[in-house]
Amino acid sequence: MSSHPTKKIGLIAGTGEIPIYFARKAHQNGTRLISIGFSDEIESNLSPYSEKSYSFGVGQPTKILDALKKNDVEELLILGKVDKTIIYKLQLPDLKFIKFFKNIISNEDKVLLLGVIEELEKEGVRVLSQKDFLGEVFPKKGILTRRKPSEKELQDIEFGLPIARKLADMEIGQTLVVKDKSVIAVEAFEGTDKAIQRGCELAKGNCVVIKVSRTNQDYRYDSPGIGPQTISTLIAGGASVLALEAERVMAVEQEQVVKMADEARLSVTCV
């Protein structure tokens, strides 16, 4: 984890491996962490690394803000994924959420989360860039694994990369599955793992999976990333290559990621 003078940091956490990775590293570095998970399970995973931890729903911003103020949190990170289907299934959202949601003109992730950041900053809480604290998990250009992509796989990467970037900029998704210079699957509402599962099934394995960022990625609220769970999904589907956009896509638990990929002869490369 990159060094930073802040000694107390708030964490608003969704699902996935990244919030837990950050919380563990923060704890090891002596950072006092005030964590808020969007479910009891998330809160219980963060609790061992936090000075204080809470479990609040997405529809309870008043409670979230009260907890941050009570603990004198002035800076925080937003990490992890928030399944938008949760928003559509909310029960008893508080008045602040209802007012906020009515003012949102789009249900795109970007618009929703920028709205959340705006509300937080109105209350005097600054949302930090994830790159400031997690710079070491954004791998640079190069091949991470023992196996290199074949010439045919490199051609699939070259074919798919500009398409993936365009789709990401269109707010459709940031993951693309390619085989024989054909687009097999595109990530949309269902998320990365399900897109990979569908793509691998349609391709019957031996496909290339590409993960990119948006051109104007806002690292305050969203860092595209992969971890051991993604590698497990790729291995189960029989994918042959994972291509990440260098220095712009996170790879958490890199040692485990590389070990798992090497054992399965999966190539992981940053382009």
C-alpha atoms as a PDB file:
ATOM      1  CA  MET A   1       0.000   0.000   0.000  1.00  0.00           C
ATOM      2  CA  SER A   2       1.251   3.467  -0.880  1.00  0.00           C
ATOM      3  CA  SER A   3       2.214   5.649   2.068  1.00  0.00           C
ATOM      4  CA  HIS A   4      -0.119   8.490   3.018  1.00  0.00           C
ATOM      5  CA  PRO A   5      -0.127  10.892   5.952  1.00  0.00           C
ATOM      6  CA  THR A   6      -3.766  10.222   6.846  1.00  0.00           C
ATOM      7  CA  LYS A   7      -4.007   8.088   9.998  1.00  0.00           C
ATOM      8  CA  LYS A   8      -7.776   7.670  10.107  1.00  0.00           C
ATOM      9  CA  ILE A   9      -9.668   6.651   6.987  1.00  0.00           C
ATOM     10  CA  GLY A  10     -13.281   5.776   6.385  1.00  0.00           C
ATOM     11  CA  LEU A  11     -14.158   2.881   4.121  1.00  0.00           C
ATOM     12  CA  ILE A  12     -17.502   2.361   2.419  1.00  0.00           C
ATOM     13  CA  ALA A  13     -17.411  -1.182   1.107  1.00  0.00           C
ATOM     14  CA  GLY A  14     -19.349  -3.227  -1.380  1.00  0.00           C
ATOM     15  CA  THR A  15     -18.706  -6.834  -2.336  1.00  0.00           C
ATOM     16  CA  GLY A  16     -15.523  -8.415  -3.678  1.00  0.00           C
ATOM     17  CA  GLU A  17     -11.927  -8.986  -2.652  1.00  0.00           C
ATOM     18  CA  ILE A  18     -10.637  -5.423  -2.920  1.00  0.00           C
ATOM     19  CA  PRO A  19     -12.192  -3.932   0.273  1.00  0.00           C
ATOM     20  CA  ILE A  20     -10.833  -6.797   2.383  1.00  0.00           C
ATOM     21  CA  TYR A  21      -7.399  -6.482   0.769  1.00  0.00           C
ATOM     22  CA  PHE A  22      -7.314  -2.764   1.525  1.00  0.00           C
ATOM     23  CA  ALA A  23      -8.579  -3.189   5.099  1.00  0.00           C
ATOM     24  CA  ARG A  24      -5.938  -5.805   5.877  1.00  0.00           C
ATOM     25  CA  LYS A  25      -3.133  -3.661   4.426  1.00  0.00           C
ATOM     26  CA  ALA A  26      -4.389  -0.558   6.241  1.00  0.00           C
ATOM     27  CA  HIS A  27      -4.431  -2.466   9.526  1.00  0.00           C
ATOM     28  CA  GLN A  28      -0.884  -3.718   8.941  1.00  0.00           C
ATOM     29  CA  ASN A  29       0.257  -0.142   8.268  1.00  0.00           C
ATOM     30  CA  GLY A  30      -1.299   1.191  11.469  1.00  0.00           C
ATOM     31  CA  THR A  31      -4.121   3.096   9.809  1.00  0.00           C
ATOM     32  CA  ARG A  32      -7.205   3.571  11.978  1.00  0.00           C
ATOM     33  CA  LEU A  33     -10.033   2.310   9.786  1.00  0.00           C
ATOM     34  CA  ILE A  34     -13.714   3.126  10.209  1.00  0.00           C
ATOM     35  CA  SER A  35     -15.529   0.723   7.906  1.00  0.00           C
ATOM     36  CA  ILE A  36     -19.110   0.599   6.671  1.00  0.00           C
ATOM     37  CA  GLY A  37     -20.230  -2.509   4.807  1.00  0.00           C
ATOM     38  CA  PHE A  38     -23.391  -2.723   2.735  1.00  0.00           C
ATOM     39  CA  SER A  39     -24.252  -6.092   4.308  1.00  0.00           C
ATOM     40  CA  ASP A  40     -23.642  -7.967   7.554  1.00  0.00           C
ATOM     41  CA  GLU A  41     -21.296 -10.341   5.729  1.00  0.00           C
ATOM     42  CA  ILE A  42     -19.157  -7.482   4.406  1.00  0.00           C
ATOM     43  CA  GLU A  43     -19.060  -5.873   7.854  1.00  0.00           C
ATOM     44  CA  SER A  44     -17.961  -9.121   9.511  1.00  0.00           C
ATOM     45  CA  ASN A  45     -15.118  -9.525   6.991  1.00  0.00           C
ATOM     46  CA  LEU A  46     -13.893  -5.974   7.655  1.00  0.00           C
ATOM     47  CA  SER A  47     -14.358  -5.974  11.428  1.00  0.00           C
ATOM     48  CA  PRO A  48     -11.017  -7.685  12.331  1.00  0.00           C
ATOM     49  CA  TYR A  49      -9.104  -4.892  10.565  1.00  0.00           C
ATOM     50  CA  SER A  50     -11.226  -1.933  11.692  1.00  0.00           C
ATOM     51  CA  GLU A  51     -11.222   0.299  14.743  1.00  0.00           C
ATOM     52  CA  LYS A  52     -14.996   0.386  14.308  1.00  0.00           C
ATOM     53  CA  SER A  53     -17.217  -1.301  11.736  1.00  0.00           C
ATOM     54  CA  TYR A  54     -20.863  -0.914  10.790  1.00  0.00           C
ATOM     55  CA  SER A  55     -23.405  -2.599   8.545  1.00  0.00           C
ATOM     56  CA  PHE A  56     -25.809  -0.250   6.766  1.00  0.00           C
ATOM     57  CA  GLY A  57     -27.856  -0.700   3.618  1.00  0.00           C
ATOM     58  CA  VAL A  58     -27.415   1.349   0.463  1.00  0.00           C
ATOM     59  CA  GLY A  59     -30.715   3.072   1.295  1.00  0.00           C
ATOM     60  CA  GLN A  60     -29.498   4.380   4.667  1.00  0.00           C
ATOM     61  CA  PRO A  61     -27.225   7.342   3.861  1.00  0.00           C
ATOM     62  CA  THR A  62     -28.302   9.205   7.001  1.00  0.00           C
ATOM     63  CA  LYS A  63     -26.949   6.406   9.200  1.00  0.00           C
ATOM     64  CA  ILE A  64     -23.778   6.223   7.108  1.00  0.00           C
ATOM     65  CA  LEU A  65     -23.151   9.959   7.438  1.00  0.00           C
ATOM     66  CA  ASP A  66     -23.936   9.893  11.163  1.00  0.00           C
ATOM     67  CA  ALA A  67     -21.381   7.100  11.690  1.00  0.00           C
ATOM     68  CA  LEU A  68     -18.714   9.002   9.738  1.00  0.00           C
ATOM     69  CA  LYS A  69     -19.358  12.199  11.714  1.00  0.00           C
ATOM     70  CA  LYS A  70     -19.433  10.356  15.052  1.00  0.00           C
ATOM     71  CA  ASN A  71     -15.974   8.978  14.309  1.00  0.00           C
ATOM     72  CA  ASP A  72     -14.576  12.281  12.955  1.00  0.00           C
ATOM     73  CA  VAL A  73     -13.945  10.814   9.507  1.00  0.00           C
ATOM     74  CA  GLU A  74     -12.898  13.502   7.040  1.00  0.00           C
ATOM     75  CA  GLU A  75     -11.487  11.292   4.270  1.00  0.00           C
ATOM     76  CA  LEU A  76     -12.691   7.974   2.943  1.00  0.00           C
ATOM     77  CA  LEU A  77     -12.430   5.399   0.206  1.00  0.00           C
ATOM     78  CA  ILE A  78     -15.265   3.713  -1.657  1.00  0.00           C
ATOM     79  CA  LEU A  79     -14.266   0.168  -2.622  1.00  0.00           C
ATOM     80  CA  GLY A  80     -16.007  -2.912  -3.955  1.00  0.00           C
ATOM     81  CA  LYS A  81     -19.007  -3.513  -6.138  1.00  0.00           C
ATOM     82  CA  VAL A  82     -22.571  -2.490  -5.398  1.00  0.00           C
ATOM     83  CA  ASP A  83     -25.077  -4.644  -7.254  1.00  0.00           C
ATOM     84  CA  LYS A  84     -27.575  -2.204  -8.724  1.00  0.00           C
ATOM     85  CA  THR A  85     -30.341  -4.762  -8.268  1.00  0.00           C
ATOM     86  CA  ILE A  86     -30.044  -4.012  -4.537  1.00  0.00           C
ATOM     87  CA  ILE A  87     -31.220  -0.469  -5.209  1.00  0.00           C
ATOM     88  CA  TYR A  88     -34.342  -1.703  -6.967  1.00  0.00           C
ATOM     89  CA  LYS A  89     -35.199  -4.032  -4.066  1.00  0.00           C
ATOM     90  CA  LEU A  90     -34.709  -1.565  -1.217  1.00  0.00           C
ATOM     91  CA  GLN A  91     -37.036  -1.789   1.740  1.00  0.00           C
ATOM     92  CA  LEU A  92     -37.718   1.290   3.903  1.00  0.00           C
ATOM     93  CA  PRO A  93     -35.067   3.617   2.418  1.00  0.00           C
ATOM     94  CA  ASP A  94     -34.554   6.769   4.472  1.00  0.00           C
ATOM     95  CA  LEU A  95     -35.731  10.215   3.388  1.00  0.00           C
ATOM     96  CA  LYS A  96     -32.261  11.408   2.337  1.00  0.00           C
ATOM     97  CA  PHE A  97     -31.947   8.443  -0.035  1.00  0.00           C
ATOM     98  CA  ILE A  98     -35.415   9.009  -1.502  1.00  0.00           C
ATOM     99  CA  LYS A  99     -34.613  12.675  -2.146  1.00  0.00           C
ATOM    100  CA  PHE A 100     -31.236  11.777  -3.644  1.00  0.00           C
ATOM    101  CA  PHE A 101     -32.585   8.992  -5.863  1.00  0.00           C
ATOM    102  CA  LYS A 102     -35.391  11.175  -7.238  1.00  0.00           C
ATOM    103  CA  ASN A 103     -32.776  13.720  -8.365  1.00  0.00           C
ATOM    104  CA  ILE A 104     -30.727  11.161 -10.296  1.00  0.00           C
ATOM    105  CA  ILE A 105     -31.448  11.361 -14.021  1.00  0.00           C
ATOM    106  CA  SER A 106     -29.831   8.038 -14.930  1.00  0.00           C
ATOM    107  CA  ASN A 107     -29.273   4.663 -13.298  1.00  0.00           C
ATOM    108  CA  GLU A 108     -25.758   4.301 -14.720  1.00  0.00           C
ATOM    109  CA  ASP A 109     -23.143   3.294 -12.139  1.00  0.00           C
ATOM    110  CA  LYS A 110     -21.181   6.443 -12.908  1.00  0.00           C
ATOM    111  CA  VAL A 111     -24.103   8.806 -12.292  1.00  0.00           C
ATOM    112  CA  LEU A 112     -25.241   7.025  -9.138  1.00  0.00           C
ATOM    113  CA  LEU A 113     -21.813   6.985  -7.538  1.00  0.00           C
ATOM    114  CA  LEU A 114     -20.928  10.543  -8.527  1.00  0.00           C
ATOM    115  CA  GLY A 115     -24.170  11.524  -6.818  1.00  0.00           C
ATOM    116  CA  VAL A 116     -23.094   9.675  -3.672  1.00  0.00           C
ATOM    117  CA  ILE A 117     -19.698  11.437  -3.727  1.00  0.00           C
ATOM    118  CA  GLU A 118     -21.379  14.831  -4.158  1.00  0.00           C
ATOM    119  CA  GLU A 119     -23.603  14.175  -1.127  1.00  0.00           C
ATOM    120  CA  LEU A 120     -20.628  13.070   0.981  1.00  0.00           C
ATOM    121  CA  GLU A 121     -18.581  16.125   0.047  1.00  0.00           C
ATOM    122  CA  LYS A 122     -21.516  18.403   0.896  1.00  0.00           C
ATOM    123  CA  GLU A 123     -21.218  16.939   4.397  1.00  0.00           C
ATOM    124  CA  GLY A 124     -17.485  17.713   4.546  1.00  0.00           C
ATOM    125  CA  VAL A 125     -16.171  14.216   3.770  1.00  0.00           C
ATOM    126  CA  ARG A 126     -13.527  14.027   1.024  1.00  0.00           C
ATOM    127  CA  VAL A 127     -13.534  10.934  -1.174  1.00  0.00           C
ATOM    128  CA  LEU A 128      -9.996   9.834  -2.047  1.00  0.00           C
ATOM    129  CA  SER A 129      -8.586   8.229  -5.181  1.00  0.00           C
ATOM    130  CA  GLN A 130      -8.113   4.499  -4.818  1.00  0.00           C
ATOM    131  CA  LYS A 131      -4.818   4.762  -6.703  1.00  0.00           C
ATOM    132  CA  ASP A 132      -3.338   6.875  -3.880  1.00  0.00           C
ATOM    133  CA  PHE A 133      -3.647   3.910  -1.521  1.00  0.00           C
ATOM    134  CA  LEU A 134      -3.532   0.900  -3.810  1.00  0.00           C
ATOM    135  CA  GLY A 135      -0.929   1.866  -6.381  1.00  0.00           C
ATOM    136  CA  GLU A 136       0.975  -1.397  -5.964  1.00  0.00           C
ATOM    137  CA  VAL A 137      -1.930  -3.477  -7.274  1.00  0.00           C
ATOM    138  CA  PHE A 138      -2.066  -1.754 -10.674  1.00  0.00           C
ATOM    139  CA  PRO A 139       0.438  -3.890 -12.633  1.00  0.00           C
ATOM    140  CA  LYS A 140       2.594  -2.334 -15.321  1.00  0.00           C
ATOM    141  CA  LYS A 141       2.883  -3.512 -18.912  1.00  0.00           C
ATOM    142  CA  GLY A 142       4.247  -7.036 -19.226  1.00  0.00           C
ATOM    143  CA  ILE A 143       3.416 -10.712 -18.766  1.00  0.00           C
ATOM    144  CA  LEU A 144       2.729 -11.759 -15.169  1.00  0.00           C
ATOM    145  CA  THR A 145       2.705 -15.521 -15.725  1.00  0.00           C
ATOM    146  CA  ARG A 146       5.118 -18.108 -17.091  1.00  0.00           C
ATOM    147  CA  ARG A 147       3.076 -18.796 -20.202  1.00  0.00           C
ATOM    148  CA  LYS A 148       3.054 -16.099 -22.851  1.00  0.00           C
ATOM    149  CA  PRO A 149       0.096 -15.550 -25.180  1.00  0.00           C
ATOM    150  CA  SER A 150       0.469 -17.274 -28.538  1.00  0.00           C
ATOM    151  CA  GLU A 151       0.582 -15.277 -31.770  1.00  0.00           C
ATOM    152  CA  LYS A 152      -3.084 -16.113 -32.374  1.00  0.00           C
ATOM    153  CA  GLU A 153      -4.014 -14.971 -28.849  1.00  0.00           C
ATOM    154  CA  LEU A 154      -2.051 -11.747 -29.305  1.00  0.00           C
ATOM    155  CA  GLN A 155      -4.075 -11.079 -32.445  1.00  0.00           C
ATOM    156  CA  ASP A 156      -7.276 -11.582 -30.462  1.00  0.00           C
ATOM    157  CA  ILE A 157      -6.026  -9.094 -27.844  1.00  0.00           C
ATOM    158  CA  GLU A 158      -5.144  -6.565 -30.542  1.00  0.00           C
ATOM    159  CA  PHE A 159      -8.583  -7.055 -32.106  1.00  0.00           C
ATOM    160  CA  GLY A 160     -10.523  -6.841 -28.865  1.00  0.00           C
ATOM    161  CA  LEU A 161      -8.719  -4.085 -26.955  1.00  0.00           C
ATOM    162  CA  PRO A 162     -10.115  -1.073 -28.859  1.00  0.00           C
ATOM    163  CA  ILE A 163     -13.602  -2.601 -28.790  1.00  0.00           C
ATOM    164  CA  ALA A 164     -13.393  -3.159 -25.032  1.00  0.00           C
ATOM    165  CA  ARG A 165     -12.271   0.442 -24.484  1.00  0.00           C
ATOM    166  CA  LYS A 166     -15.114   1.805 -26.587  1.00  0.00           C
ATOM    167  CA  LEU A 167     -17.703  -0.305 -24.740  1.00  0.00           C
ATOM    168  CA  ALA A 168     -16.283   0.843 -21.401  1.00  0.00           C
ATOM    169  CA  ASP A 169     -16.539   4.488 -22.458  1.00  0.00           C
ATOM    170  CA  MET A 170     -20.147   3.858 -23.504  1.00  0.00           C
ATOM    171  CA  GLU A 171     -20.863   2.684 -19.919  1.00  0.00           C
ATOM    172  CA  ILE A 172     -21.813  -0.800 -21.134  1.00  0.00           C
ATOM    173  CA  GLY A 173     -19.136  -2.861 -19.422  1.00  0.00           C
ATOM    174  CA  GLN A 174     -15.387  -3.238 -18.987  1.00  0.00           C
ATOM    175  CA  THR A 175     -14.877  -6.925 -19.805  1.00  0.00           C
ATOM    176  CA  LEU A 176     -14.865  -8.527 -23.251  1.00  0.00           C
ATOM    177  CA  VAL A 177     -14.511 -12.180 -24.292  1.00  0.00           C
ATOM    178  CA  VAL A 178     -12.926 -12.793 -27.709  1.00  0.00           C
ATOM    179  CA  LYS A 179     -12.086 -15.859 -29.801  1.00  0.00           C
ATOM    180  CA  ASP A 180     -10.838 -16.029 -33.398  1.00  0.00           C
ATOM    181  CA  LYS A 181     -11.235 -12.248 -33.725  1.00  0.00           C
ATOM    182  CA  SER A 182     -14.922 -12.508 -32.862  1.00  0.00           C
ATOM    183  CA  VAL A 183     -16.649 -10.900 -29.881  1.00  0.00           C
ATOM    184  CA  ILE A 184     -18.180 -13.746 -27.882  1.00  0.00           C
ATOM    185  CA  ALA A 185     -19.495 -11.916 -24.812  1.00  0.00           C
ATOM    186  CA  VAL A 186     -19.676  -8.399 -23.399  1.00  0.00           C
ATOM    187  CA  GLU A 187     -20.036  -7.523 -19.739  1.00  0.00           C
ATOM    188  CA  ALA A 188     -23.187  -5.561 -18.976  1.00  0.00           C
ATOM    189  CA  PHE A 189     -25.552  -5.559 -16.004  1.00  0.00           C
ATOM    190  CA  GLU A 190     -24.565  -9.059 -14.832  1.00  0.00           C
ATOM    191  CA  GLY A 191     -20.958  -8.222 -13.901  1.00  0.00           C
ATOM    192  CA  THR A 192     -17.527  -9.591 -14.767  1.00  0.00           C
ATOM    193  CA  ASP A 193     -17.698 -13.170 -13.499  1.00  0.00           C
ATOM    194  CA  LYS A 194     -21.028 -13.990 -15.134  1.00  0.00           C
ATOM    195  CA  ALA A 195     -19.881 -12.418 -18.410  1.00  0.00           C
ATOM    196  CA  ILE A 196     -16.757 -14.598 -18.297  1.00  0.00           C
ATOM    197  CA  GLN A 197     -18.820 -17.707 -17.523  1.00  0.00           C
ATOM    198  CA  ARG A 198     -21.163 -17.012 -20.437  1.00  0.00           C
ATOM    199  CA  GLY A 199     -18.317 -16.174 -22.822  1.00  0.00           C
ATOM    200  CA  CYS A 200     -16.300 -19.270 -21.948  1.00  0.00           C
ATOM    201  CA  GLU A 201     -19.361 -21.466 -22.396  1.00  0.00           C
ATOM    202  CA  LEU A 202     -20.171 -19.985 -25.799  1.00  0.00           C
ATOM    203  CA  ALA A 203     -16.541 -20.149 -26.910  1.00  0.00           C
ATOM    204  CA  LYS A 204     -16.115 -23.676 -25.542  1.00  0.00           C
ATOM    205  CA  GLY A 205     -12.944 -22.546 -23.788  1.00  0.00           C
ATOM    206  CA  ASN A 206      -9.601 -21.359 -25.176  1.00  0.00           C
ATOM    207  CA  CYS A 207     -10.791 -17.769 -25.377  1.00  0.00           C
ATOM    208  CA  VAL A 208      -9.201 -14.423 -24.517  1.00  0.00           C
ATOM    209  CA  VAL A 209     -10.738 -12.265 -21.789  1.00  0.00           C
ATOM    210  CA  ILE A 210      -9.924  -8.538 -21.846  1.00  0.00           C
ATOM    211  CA  LYS A 211     -10.517  -6.154 -18.923  1.00  0.00           C
ATOM    212  CA  VAL A 212     -10.071  -2.400 -19.347  1.00  0.00           C
ATOM    213  CA  SER A 213     -10.887   0.930 -17.722  1.00  0.00           C
ATOM    214  CA  ARG A 214     -12.820   3.894 -19.015  1.00  0.00           C
ATOM    215  CA  THR A 215     -10.751   6.598 -20.727  1.00  0.00           C
ATOM    216  CA  ASN A 216     -11.738   9.051 -17.984  1.00  0.00           C
ATOM    217  CA  GLN A 217     -11.906   6.531 -15.152  1.00  0.00           C
ATOM    218  CA  ASP A 218     -12.717   8.185 -11.850  1.00  0.00           C
ATOM    219  CA  TYR A 219     -10.623   6.270  -9.322  1.00  0.00           C
ATOM    220  CA  ARG A 220     -12.436   7.850  -6.405  1.00  0.00           C
ATOM    221  CA  TYR A 221     -15.289   5.405  -6.728  1.00  0.00           C
ATOM    222  CA  ASP A 222     -14.454   2.760  -9.290  1.00  0.00           C
ATOM    223  CA  SER A 223     -11.275   0.860 -10.063  1.00  0.00           C
ATOM    224  CA  PRO A 224     -11.832  -2.091 -12.369  1.00  0.00           C
ATOM    225  CA  GLY A 225     -10.036  -5.090 -10.970  1.00  0.00           C
ATOM    226  CA  ILE A 226      -9.525  -8.832 -10.798  1.00  0.00           C
ATOM    227  CA  GLY A 227      -8.471 -11.218  -8.054  1.00  0.00           C
ATOM    228  CA  PRO A 228      -8.338 -14.932  -7.226  1.00  0.00           C
ATOM    229  CA  GLN A 229     -12.101 -15.309  -7.722  1.00  0.00           C
ATOM    230  CA  THR A 230     -11.798 -14.015 -11.298  1.00  0.00           C
ATOM    231  CA  ILE A 231      -8.950 -16.437 -11.964  1.00  0.00           C
ATOM    232  CA  SER A 232     -11.051 -19.315 -10.605  1.00  0.00           C
ATOM    233  CA  THR A 233     -13.848 -18.348 -12.990  1.00  0.00           C
ATOM    234  CA  LEU A 234     -11.436 -18.199 -15.938  1.00  0.00           C
ATOM    235  CA  ILE A 235      -9.932 -21.582 -15.084  1.00  0.00           C
ATOM    236  CA  ALA A 236     -13.352 -23.203 -14.647  1.00  0.00           C
ATOM    237  CA  GLY A 237     -14.391 -21.877 -18.058  1.00  0.00           C
ATOM    238  CA  GLY A 238     -11.226 -22.995 -19.814  1.00  0.00           C
ATOM    239  CA  ALA A 239     -10.092 -19.504 -20.861  1.00  0.00           C
ATOM    240  CA  SER A 240      -6.519 -19.323 -22.136  1.00  0.00           C
ATOM    241  CA  VAL A 241      -5.593 -15.635 -21.671  1.00  0.00           C
ATOM    242  CA  LEU A 242      -6.524 -12.754 -19.403  1.00  0.00           C
ATOM    243  CA  ALA A 243      -5.404  -9.374 -20.756  1.00  0.00           C
ATOM    244  CA  LEU A 244      -5.515  -6.375 -18.409  1.00  0.00           C
ATOM    245  CA  GLU A 245      -5.059  -2.711 -19.280  1.00  0.00           C
ATOM    246  CA  ALA A 246      -1.659  -1.904 -17.790  1.00  0.00           C
ATOM    247  CA  GLU A 247      -1.532   0.498 -14.803  1.00  0.00           C
ATOM    248  CA  ARG A 248      -5.298   1.038 -15.026  1.00  0.00           C
ATOM    249  CA  VAL A 249      -6.816  -2.268 -13.859  1.00  0.00           C
ATOM    250  CA  MET A 250      -6.201  -3.703 -10.395  1.00  0.00           C
ATOM    251  CA  ALA A 251      -4.900  -7.210  -9.762  1.00  0.00           C
ATOM    252  CA  VAL A 252      -5.286  -7.888  -6.039  1.00  0.00           C
ATOM    253  CA  GLU A 253      -3.528 -10.787  -4.284  1.00  0.00           C
ATOM    254  CA  GLN A 254      -1.124 -10.885  -7.225  1.00  0.00           C
ATOM    255  CA  GLU A 255       1.047 -13.658  -5.825  1.00  0.00           C
ATOM    256  CA  GLN A 256      -1.965 -15.960  -5.495  1.00  0.00           C
ATOM    257  CA  VAL A 257      -3.341 -14.852  -8.859  1.00  0.00           C
ATOM    258  CA  VAL A 258      -0.077 -15.716 -10.629  1.00  0.00           C
ATOM    259  CA  LYS A 259       0.294 -19.033  -8.787  1.00  0.00           C
ATOM    260  CA  MET A 260      -3.236 -20.131  -9.704  1.00  0.00           C
ATOM    261  CA  ALA A 261      -2.794 -19.031 -13.320  1.00  0.00           C
ATOM    262  CA  ASP A 262       0.582 -20.770 -13.694  1.00  0.00           C
ATOM    263  CA  GLU A 263      -0.802 -24.018 -12.331  1.00  0.00           C
ATOM    264  CA  ALA A 264      -3.619 -23.880 -14.902  1.00  0.00           C
ATOM    265  CA  ARG A 265      -1.358 -22.665 -17.738  1.00  0.00           C
ATOM    266  CA  LEU A 266      -3.485 -19.528 -18.004  1.00  0.00           C
ATOM    267  CA  SER A 267      -1.601 -16.542 -19.384  1.00  0.00           C
ATOM    268  CA  VAL A 268      -2.105 -13.211 -17.618  1.00  0.00           C
ATOM    269  CA  THR A 269      -0.699 -10.232 -19.474  1.00  0.00           C
ATOM    270  CA  CYS A 270      -0.901  -6.441 -19.063  1.00  0.00           C
ATOM    271  CA  VAL A 271      -1.118  -4.461 -22.276  1.00  0.00           C
END
